[in-house]
Amino acid sequence: DDQAVISVGADYLRIAAIISWAYPLGGVCVSVLQGLHRPNFPLFMGLMRQFLGRILIIEFFLSIFTWGILSIWWAIFCVNWLASFVILMYTLRKMKRLKATS
């Protein structure tokens, strides 16, 4: 049924629109840290976001919520925003320490 496919696709696009704001936030923080010669933490966060975070959070969402495919999409939302928030906090802390020492 075409209407069912359109409905599922529309649901995904609504979630993806909110997720899309996490990518530039994380990207700017990664660039700042690389400019400060601190690339290890962004590398670690990228690996966590891509592998371990997705596996754990998707499994958690699938076992707790009964939303079907929406559980996976909301889990990806949480993984990306959590990673962006963590790297933002790390970047701000590094910049504050850098300012204090200069």
N, C-alpha and C. Protein backbone atom coordinates (compact mmCIF):
# COMPACT_ATOMS: atom_id res chain seq x y z
N ASP A 1 0.84 -1.18 0.00
CA ASP A 1 0.00 0.00 0.00
C ASP A 1 0.88 1.24 0.00
N ASP A 2 0.69 2.10 -0.97
CA ASP A 2 1.53 3.30 -1.09
C ASP A 2 1.34 4.27 0.07
N GLN A 3 0.14 4.36 0.60
CA GLN A 3 -0.12 5.30 1.69
C GLN A 3 0.66 4.90 2.95
N ALA A 4 0.80 3.61 3.20
CA ALA A 4 1.56 3.15 4.36
C ALA A 4 3.03 3.53 4.22
N VAL A 5 3.58 3.37 3.03
CA VAL A 5 4.98 3.72 2.77
C VAL A 5 5.17 5.23 2.94
N ILE A 6 4.26 6.00 2.42
CA ILE A 6 4.35 7.46 2.53
C ILE A 6 4.27 7.88 4.00
N SER A 7 3.41 7.25 4.77
CA SER A 7 3.26 7.57 6.19
C SER A 7 4.55 7.27 6.96
N VAL A 8 5.14 6.10 6.72
CA VAL A 8 6.39 5.74 7.40
C VAL A 8 7.51 6.70 7.00
N GLY A 9 7.60 7.01 5.72
CA GLY A 9 8.62 7.96 5.25
C GLY A 9 8.44 9.34 5.85
N ALA A 10 7.21 9.79 5.97
CA ALA A 10 6.95 11.11 6.55
C ALA A 10 7.34 11.13 8.03
N ASP A 11 7.05 10.05 8.74
CA ASP A 11 7.46 9.96 10.15
C ASP A 11 8.98 10.06 10.28
N TYR A 12 9.68 9.33 9.42
CA TYR A 12 11.15 9.38 9.46
C TYR A 12 11.66 10.79 9.17
N LEU A 13 11.11 11.44 8.17
CA LEU A 13 11.59 12.77 7.80
C LEU A 13 11.37 13.79 8.91
N ARG A 14 10.31 13.64 9.67
CA ARG A 14 10.09 14.55 10.80
C ARG A 14 11.19 14.38 11.85
N ILE A 15 11.56 13.15 12.12
CA ILE A 15 12.62 12.89 13.10
C ILE A 15 13.98 13.31 12.54
N ALA A 16 14.23 13.00 11.28
CA ALA A 16 15.51 13.35 10.65
C ALA A 16 15.72 14.86 10.61
N ALA A 17 14.64 15.62 10.46
CA ALA A 17 14.77 17.08 10.44
C ALA A 17 15.30 17.60 11.78
N ILE A 18 14.91 16.96 12.86
CA ILE A 18 15.39 17.37 14.18
C ILE A 18 16.81 16.88 14.41
N ILE A 19 17.12 15.68 13.92
CA ILE A 19 18.47 15.13 14.08
C ILE A 19 19.49 15.98 13.32
N SER A 20 19.09 16.52 12.19
CA SER A 20 20.05 17.21 11.32
C SER A 20 20.75 18.37 12.00
N TRP A 21 20.18 18.95 13.02
CA TRP A 21 20.82 20.05 13.73
C TRP A 21 21.97 19.60 14.61
N ALA A 22 21.99 18.33 14.97
CA ALA A 22 23.07 17.83 15.82
C ALA A 22 24.39 17.72 15.05
N TYR A 23 24.33 17.45 13.76
CA TYR A 23 25.55 17.25 12.97
C TYR A 23 26.43 18.50 12.88
N PRO A 24 25.90 19.67 12.54
CA PRO A 24 26.78 20.84 12.49
C PRO A 24 27.34 21.23 13.87
N LEU A 25 26.53 21.05 14.91
CA LEU A 25 27.01 21.34 16.25
C LEU A 25 28.22 20.47 16.59
N GLY A 26 28.10 19.19 16.35
CA GLY A 26 29.23 18.28 16.59
C GLY A 26 30.39 18.58 15.67
N GLY A 27 30.11 18.90 14.43
CA GLY A 27 31.17 19.18 13.46
C GLY A 27 31.99 20.40 13.82
N VAL A 28 31.34 21.44 14.28
CA VAL A 28 32.06 22.64 14.69
C VAL A 28 32.95 22.34 15.90
N CYS A 29 32.41 21.59 16.84
CA CYS A 29 33.21 21.24 18.04
C CYS A 29 34.42 20.39 17.66
N VAL A 30 34.22 19.44 16.75
CA VAL A 30 35.35 18.61 16.29
C VAL A 30 36.40 19.49 15.63
N SER A 31 35.98 20.43 14.80
CA SER A 31 36.94 21.33 14.14
C SER A 31 37.71 22.17 15.13
N VAL A 32 37.02 22.68 16.15
CA VAL A 32 37.69 23.49 17.18
C VAL A 32 38.73 22.64 17.90
N LEU A 33 38.35 21.44 18.29
CA LEU A 33 39.29 20.57 19.01
C LEU A 33 40.47 20.16 18.14
N GLN A 34 40.23 19.92 16.87
CA GLN A 34 41.34 19.60 15.98
C GLN A 34 42.27 20.81 15.82
N GLY A 35 41.68 22.00 15.77
CA GLY A 35 42.50 23.22 15.71
C GLY A 35 43.33 23.42 16.96
N LEU A 36 42.85 22.93 18.08
CA LEU A 36 43.58 23.01 19.35
C LEU A 36 44.53 21.82 19.53
N HIS A 37 44.67 21.02 18.51
CA HIS A 37 45.52 19.82 18.53
C HIS A 37 45.06 18.82 19.60
N ARG A 38 43.74 18.65 19.69
CA ARG A 38 43.14 17.69 20.62
C ARG A 38 42.16 16.79 19.86
N PRO A 39 42.65 16.00 18.90
CA PRO A 39 41.73 15.20 18.07
C PRO A 39 41.30 13.87 18.68
N ASN A 40 41.88 13.47 19.80
CA ASN A 40 41.58 12.14 20.34
C ASN A 40 40.15 12.02 20.85
N PHE A 41 39.67 13.00 21.58
CA PHE A 41 38.31 12.89 22.11
C PHE A 41 37.27 12.86 21.01
N PRO A 42 37.36 13.73 19.98
CA PRO A 42 36.38 13.61 18.89
C PRO A 42 36.43 12.25 18.19
N LEU A 43 37.60 11.68 18.05
CA LEU A 43 37.72 10.35 17.46
C LEU A 43 37.00 9.33 18.33
N PHE A 44 37.25 9.39 19.62
CA PHE A 44 36.59 8.48 20.56
C PHE A 44 35.07 8.65 20.50
N MET A 45 34.59 9.90 20.52
CA MET A 45 33.15 10.14 20.48
C MET A 45 32.54 9.66 19.16
N GLY A 46 33.25 9.84 18.08
CA GLY A 46 32.75 9.35 16.80
C GLY A 46 32.59 7.84 16.78
N LEU A 47 33.58 7.16 17.32
CA LEU A 47 33.49 5.70 17.39
C LEU A 47 32.35 5.26 18.31
N MET A 48 32.21 5.93 19.44
CA MET A 48 31.12 5.60 20.36
C MET A 48 29.77 5.84 19.70
N ARG A 49 29.64 6.98 19.02
CA ARG A 49 28.37 7.34 18.39
C ARG A 49 28.01 6.36 17.28
N GLN A 50 29.01 5.97 16.50
CA GLN A 50 28.74 5.10 15.36
C GLN A 50 28.52 3.64 15.72
N PHE A 51 29.18 3.17 16.75
CA PHE A 51 29.12 1.74 17.03
C PHE A 51 28.44 1.43 18.36
N LEU A 52 29.15 1.61 19.44
CA LEU A 52 28.64 1.18 20.74
C LEU A 52 27.36 1.90 21.14
N GLY A 53 27.33 3.20 20.95
CA GLY A 53 26.14 3.97 21.32
C GLY A 53 24.90 3.53 20.57
N ARG A 54 25.05 3.35 19.29
CA ARG A 54 23.89 2.93 18.50
C ARG A 54 23.42 1.54 18.89
N ILE A 55 24.35 0.63 19.09
CA ILE A 55 23.96 -0.73 19.45
C ILE A 55 23.22 -0.73 20.79
N LEU A 56 23.80 -0.08 21.79
CA LEU A 56 23.20 -0.09 23.12
C LEU A 56 21.88 0.67 23.18
N ILE A 57 21.85 1.85 22.61
CA ILE A 57 20.64 2.67 22.71
C ILE A 57 19.53 2.11 21.83
N ILE A 58 19.86 1.63 20.64
CA ILE A 58 18.82 1.02 19.81
C ILE A 58 18.25 -0.21 20.50
N GLU A 59 19.10 -1.03 21.07
CA GLU A 59 18.62 -2.22 21.79
C GLU A 59 17.73 -1.80 22.97
N PHE A 60 18.15 -0.77 23.69
CA PHE A 60 17.37 -0.27 24.81
C PHE A 60 15.99 0.21 24.34
N PHE A 61 15.96 1.02 23.30
CA PHE A 61 14.68 1.55 22.80
C PHE A 61 13.78 0.43 22.28
N LEU A 62 14.36 -0.53 21.59
CA LEU A 62 13.54 -1.64 21.07
C LEU A 62 12.97 -2.50 22.18
N SER A 63 13.72 -2.64 23.27
CA SER A 63 13.23 -3.49 24.36
C SER A 63 12.25 -2.75 25.28
N ILE A 64 12.37 -1.44 25.39
CA ILE A 64 11.52 -0.67 26.30
C ILE A 64 10.25 -0.17 25.60
N PHE A 65 10.42 0.41 24.43
CA PHE A 65 9.28 1.01 23.73
C PHE A 65 8.74 0.04 22.69
N THR A 66 7.48 0.16 22.40
CA THR A 66 6.84 -0.71 21.39
C THR A 66 6.42 0.11 20.17
N TRP A 67 7.35 0.93 19.71
CA TRP A 67 7.06 1.82 18.59
C TRP A 67 7.47 1.24 17.25
N GLY A 68 8.05 0.06 17.22
CA GLY A 68 8.51 -0.53 15.97
C GLY A 68 9.69 0.23 15.40
N ILE A 69 9.61 0.55 14.12
CA ILE A 69 10.71 1.23 13.44
C ILE A 69 10.96 2.61 14.03
N LEU A 70 9.94 3.24 14.59
CA LEU A 70 10.13 4.55 15.23
C LEU A 70 11.09 4.46 16.41
N SER A 71 11.14 3.32 17.07
CA SER A 71 12.09 3.14 18.17
C SER A 71 13.52 3.30 17.68
N ILE A 72 13.81 2.75 16.52
CA ILE A 72 15.17 2.86 15.96
C ILE A 72 15.48 4.31 15.61
N TRP A 73 14.55 4.98 14.97
CA TRP A 73 14.80 6.37 14.57
C TRP A 73 14.95 7.29 15.76
N TRP A 74 14.14 7.09 16.81
CA TRP A 74 14.30 7.92 18.01
C TRP A 74 15.58 7.58 18.75
N ALA A 75 16.00 6.33 18.69
CA ALA A 75 17.29 5.96 19.30
C ALA A 75 18.44 6.66 18.58
N ILE A 76 18.39 6.71 17.27
CA ILE A 76 19.42 7.42 16.51
C ILE A 76 19.41 8.91 16.85
N PHE A 77 18.22 9.45 17.02
CA PHE A 77 18.09 10.85 17.46
C PHE A 77 18.83 11.04 18.79
N CYS A 78 18.57 10.17 19.75
CA CYS A 78 19.19 10.29 21.08
C CYS A 78 20.71 10.12 21.01
N VAL A 79 21.18 9.18 20.22
CA VAL A 79 22.62 8.95 20.10
C VAL A 79 23.30 10.20 19.54
N ASN A 80 22.76 10.76 18.49
CA ASN A 80 23.39 11.91 17.86
C ASN A 80 23.36 13.15 18.74
N TRP A 81 22.22 13.42 19.38
CA TRP A 81 22.15 14.59 20.24
C TRP A 81 22.97 14.42 21.50
N LEU A 82 23.00 13.22 22.04
CA LEU A 82 23.83 12.97 23.22
C LEU A 82 25.31 13.18 22.89
N ALA A 83 25.76 12.64 21.77
CA ALA A 83 27.15 12.81 21.36
C ALA A 83 27.48 14.28 21.11
N SER A 84 26.58 15.01 20.46
CA SER A 84 26.82 16.43 20.21
C SER A 84 26.88 17.22 21.50
N PHE A 85 26.01 16.90 22.45
CA PHE A 85 26.01 17.60 23.73
C PHE A 85 27.30 17.31 24.50
N VAL A 86 27.72 16.05 24.53
CA VAL A 86 28.93 15.68 25.26
C VAL A 86 30.15 16.37 24.66
N ILE A 87 30.26 16.35 23.34
CA ILE A 87 31.44 16.97 22.71
C ILE A 87 31.38 18.49 22.85
N LEU A 88 30.19 19.08 22.88
CA LEU A 88 30.07 20.52 23.13
C LEU A 88 30.57 20.86 24.53
N MET A 89 30.14 20.10 25.52
CA MET A 89 30.59 20.35 26.90
C MET A 89 32.10 20.18 27.02
N TYR A 90 32.65 19.17 26.38
CA TYR A 90 34.09 18.93 26.41
C TYR A 90 34.83 20.09 25.74
N THR A 91 34.33 20.55 24.62
CA THR A 91 34.97 21.65 23.89
C THR A 91 34.94 22.93 24.72
N LEU A 92 33.81 23.23 25.32
CA LEU A 92 33.71 24.43 26.15
C LEU A 92 34.66 24.36 27.34
N ARG A 93 34.79 23.19 27.94
CA ARG A 93 35.71 23.02 29.06
C ARG A 93 37.16 23.23 28.61
N LYS A 94 37.52 22.67 27.47
CA LYS A 94 38.90 22.84 26.96
C LYS A 94 39.17 24.29 26.63
N MET A 95 38.21 24.98 26.04
CA MET A 95 38.41 26.39 25.69
C MET A 95 38.51 27.25 26.95
N LYS A 96 37.74 26.91 27.98
CA LYS A 96 37.82 27.65 29.24
C LYS A 96 39.19 27.48 29.88
N ARG A 97 39.70 26.25 29.87
CA ARG A 97 41.03 25.99 30.43
C ARG A 97 42.10 26.71 29.61
N LEU A 98 41.94 26.73 28.30
CA LEU A 98 42.91 27.40 27.44
C LEU A 98 42.91 28.90 27.74
N LYS A 99 41.75 29.47 27.92
CA LYS A 99 41.65 30.90 28.22
C LYS A 99 42.27 31.22 29.58
N ALA A 100 42.08 30.31 30.53
CA ALA A 100 42.62 30.53 31.88
C ALA A 100 44.14 30.48 31.90
N THR A 101 44.75 29.70 30.99
CA THR A 101 46.20 29.58 30.98
C THR A 101 46.88 30.63 30.12
N SER A 102 46.11 31.36 29.33
CA SER A 102 46.76 32.35 28.46
C SER A 102 46.68 33.75 28.98
